[in-house]
Structures are given as structure tokens and as C-alpha cells.
Amino acid sequence: MEQNRLTMLKVLFGGMSFFMIYLVIKTSIESDMFNLNPVVLNEPWFKTTLFDFYFNITIISAWMVYKEANWVRSVFWILAFILLGSIATAFYVLRQLLKLKPGDSFEKVILRRT
């Protein structure tokens, strides 16, 4: 994979991870997540967002289980995806990108290692 593209992807996924960590910390300071307004819970977009999140978790988890040979590691990552959302997802992809050696193709990020 071209080195410039690989570097851009690493910066993108690393940046997303750290921005989401910042946003979660900032939001948790400003708002109590366990004291939700009942109006929000009945909002159709809230329910749709939950379905969207868990469908994405299912898709990403299925790919990750295919990719990882170790079941313990797979369970760990699925729990991280559920508990941390895009923070864990971006870190997982960043971790895969960091494993690439110069000259490796992007297929090593996507496909299962043998």
C-alpha cells in the first residue's frame, strides 16, 4: 500500500479515536448519562440510533471474528466495541494498520491472517 495513504489512514483512525475520547469525557462532565430525560428516550431518532449502533457493532464484530484466530481476543474486542463504540472500532483498525510492514497491501488489514 502506498505509504502516504497508509499514513493518512493511521492519522484518520488515530484522530477519530482521540477525538471521541475527548468528546466522551467532555460530555460526561457536562451531562449525567444515567439521568436521561424521558422525552429523549421516546424520541424516534434515539431508538433508530440505538438500532443503527448495534447493527454496526454486529457487522464490525462479524468481520473481526472472521479476521482474528483467537476467540478470547475476539470476545475482548466485541465487548470493547459494545462498551466504547467508535473509540474501540477506530483503535482496532489503527492497530491493524500499525501491524503493516512497508510494502504490505491493504488486504492484510481486511483479510484473515493464516
Protein backbone atom coordinates (compact mmCIF):
# COMPACT_ATOMS: atom_id res chain seq x y z
CA MET A 1 0.00 0.00 0.00
CA GLU A 2 1.28 3.45 -0.82
CA GLN A 3 3.00 4.89 2.25
CA ASN A 4 1.20 8.28 2.06
CA ARG A 5 -2.23 6.64 2.04
CA LEU A 6 -1.27 4.36 4.91
CA THR A 7 -0.06 7.34 6.95
CA MET A 8 -3.29 9.22 6.19
CA LEU A 9 -5.35 6.24 7.37
CA LYS A 10 -3.33 5.95 10.58
CA VAL A 11 -3.81 9.67 11.28
CA LEU A 12 -7.53 9.41 10.46
CA PHE A 13 -8.25 6.44 12.74
CA GLY A 14 -5.95 7.67 15.50
CA GLY A 15 -7.53 11.13 15.30
CA MET A 16 -11.05 9.73 15.43
CA SER A 17 -10.19 7.64 18.48
CA PHE A 18 -8.71 10.53 20.41
CA PHE A 19 -11.46 12.96 19.36
CA MET A 20 -14.13 10.51 20.55
CA ILE A 21 -12.30 10.07 23.87
CA TYR A 22 -12.25 13.87 24.24
CA LEU A 23 -15.94 14.14 23.30
CA VAL A 24 -16.99 11.38 25.74
CA ILE A 25 -15.04 12.96 28.60
CA LYS A 26 -16.39 16.45 27.78
CA THR A 27 -19.97 15.18 27.53
CA SER A 28 -19.71 13.14 30.73
CA ILE A 29 -18.57 16.25 32.61
CA GLU A 30 -21.45 18.32 31.20
CA SER A 31 -24.21 15.72 31.40
CA ASP A 32 -25.20 12.74 33.56
CA MET A 33 -25.78 9.82 31.22
CA PHE A 34 -27.78 7.93 33.87
CA ASN A 35 -30.26 10.77 34.33
CA LEU A 36 -31.84 10.78 30.88
CA ASN A 37 -34.86 12.86 30.08
CA PRO A 38 -37.86 10.54 29.39
CA VAL A 39 -38.67 12.67 26.34
CA VAL A 40 -35.31 11.71 24.82
CA LEU A 41 -35.97 8.01 25.39
CA ASN A 42 -39.24 8.25 23.45
CA GLU A 43 -37.67 10.21 20.61
CA PRO A 44 -37.81 8.13 17.39
CA TRP A 45 -34.27 9.18 16.43
CA PHE A 46 -32.95 7.88 19.77
CA LYS A 47 -34.38 4.43 19.07
CA THR A 48 -33.16 4.50 15.46
CA THR A 49 -29.67 5.49 16.60
CA LEU A 50 -29.58 2.56 19.04
CA PHE A 51 -30.56 0.10 16.30
CA ASP A 52 -28.00 1.68 13.96
CA PHE A 53 -25.27 1.40 16.61
CA TYR A 54 -25.94 -2.26 17.40
CA PHE A 55 -26.29 -3.24 13.74
CA ASN A 56 -22.89 -1.62 13.12
CA ILE A 57 -21.46 -3.46 16.14
CA THR A 58 -22.78 -6.75 14.72
CA ILE A 59 -21.23 -6.09 11.30
CA ILE A 60 -17.87 -5.00 12.70
CA SER A 61 -17.84 -7.89 15.19
CA ALA A 62 -18.58 -10.44 12.45
CA TRP A 63 -15.64 -9.12 10.40
CA MET A 64 -13.36 -9.07 13.43
CA VAL A 65 -14.29 -12.67 14.44
CA TYR A 66 -13.52 -13.74 10.85
CA LYS A 67 -10.19 -11.90 10.97
CA GLU A 68 -8.98 -12.93 14.44
CA ALA A 69 -7.99 -16.54 15.06
CA ASN A 70 -8.06 -16.18 18.86
CA TRP A 71 -11.56 -16.42 20.42
CA VAL A 72 -10.51 -14.79 23.69
CA ARG A 73 -9.22 -11.76 21.78
CA SER A 74 -12.44 -11.73 19.73
CA VAL A 75 -14.62 -11.65 22.85
CA PHE A 76 -12.45 -8.85 24.29
CA TRP A 77 -12.82 -6.74 21.13
CA ILE A 78 -16.58 -7.35 20.86
CA LEU A 79 -17.00 -6.16 24.46
CA ALA A 80 -14.82 -3.14 23.69
CA PHE A 81 -16.92 -2.36 20.59
CA ILE A 82 -20.12 -2.53 22.65
CA LEU A 83 -18.81 -0.54 25.62
CA LEU A 84 -16.66 2.02 23.80
CA GLY A 85 -18.29 2.22 20.35
CA SER A 86 -16.29 4.04 17.71
CA ILE A 87 -13.37 4.58 20.10
CA ALA A 88 -12.68 0.83 20.15
CA THR A 89 -13.51 0.41 16.47
CA ALA A 90 -11.06 3.09 15.40
CA PHE A 91 -8.36 1.70 17.72
CA TYR A 92 -8.90 -1.80 16.32
CA VAL A 93 -8.47 -0.59 12.74
CA LEU A 94 -5.50 1.59 13.76
CA ARG A 95 -3.94 -1.48 15.43
CA GLN A 96 -4.34 -3.43 12.18
CA LEU A 97 -2.78 -0.57 10.18
CA LEU A 98 0.18 -0.34 12.56
CA LYS A 99 0.91 -4.05 12.01
CA LEU A 100 1.51 -3.44 8.29
CA LYS A 101 5.11 -3.55 7.15
CA PRO A 102 6.42 -1.40 4.28
CA GLY A 103 5.23 -2.91 1.03
CA ASP A 104 2.29 -4.81 2.59
CA SER A 105 -1.04 -4.48 0.83
CA PHE A 106 -4.23 -3.23 2.48
CA GLU A 107 -5.58 -6.78 2.13
CA LYS A 108 -3.62 -7.67 5.29
CA VAL A 109 -5.84 -5.26 7.21
CA ILE A 110 -9.06 -6.70 5.79
CA LEU A 111 -8.36 -10.41 5.37
CA ARG A 112 -7.69 -13.13 7.93
CA ARG A 113 -4.08 -13.89 8.73
CA THR A 114 -3.11 -17.52 8.28
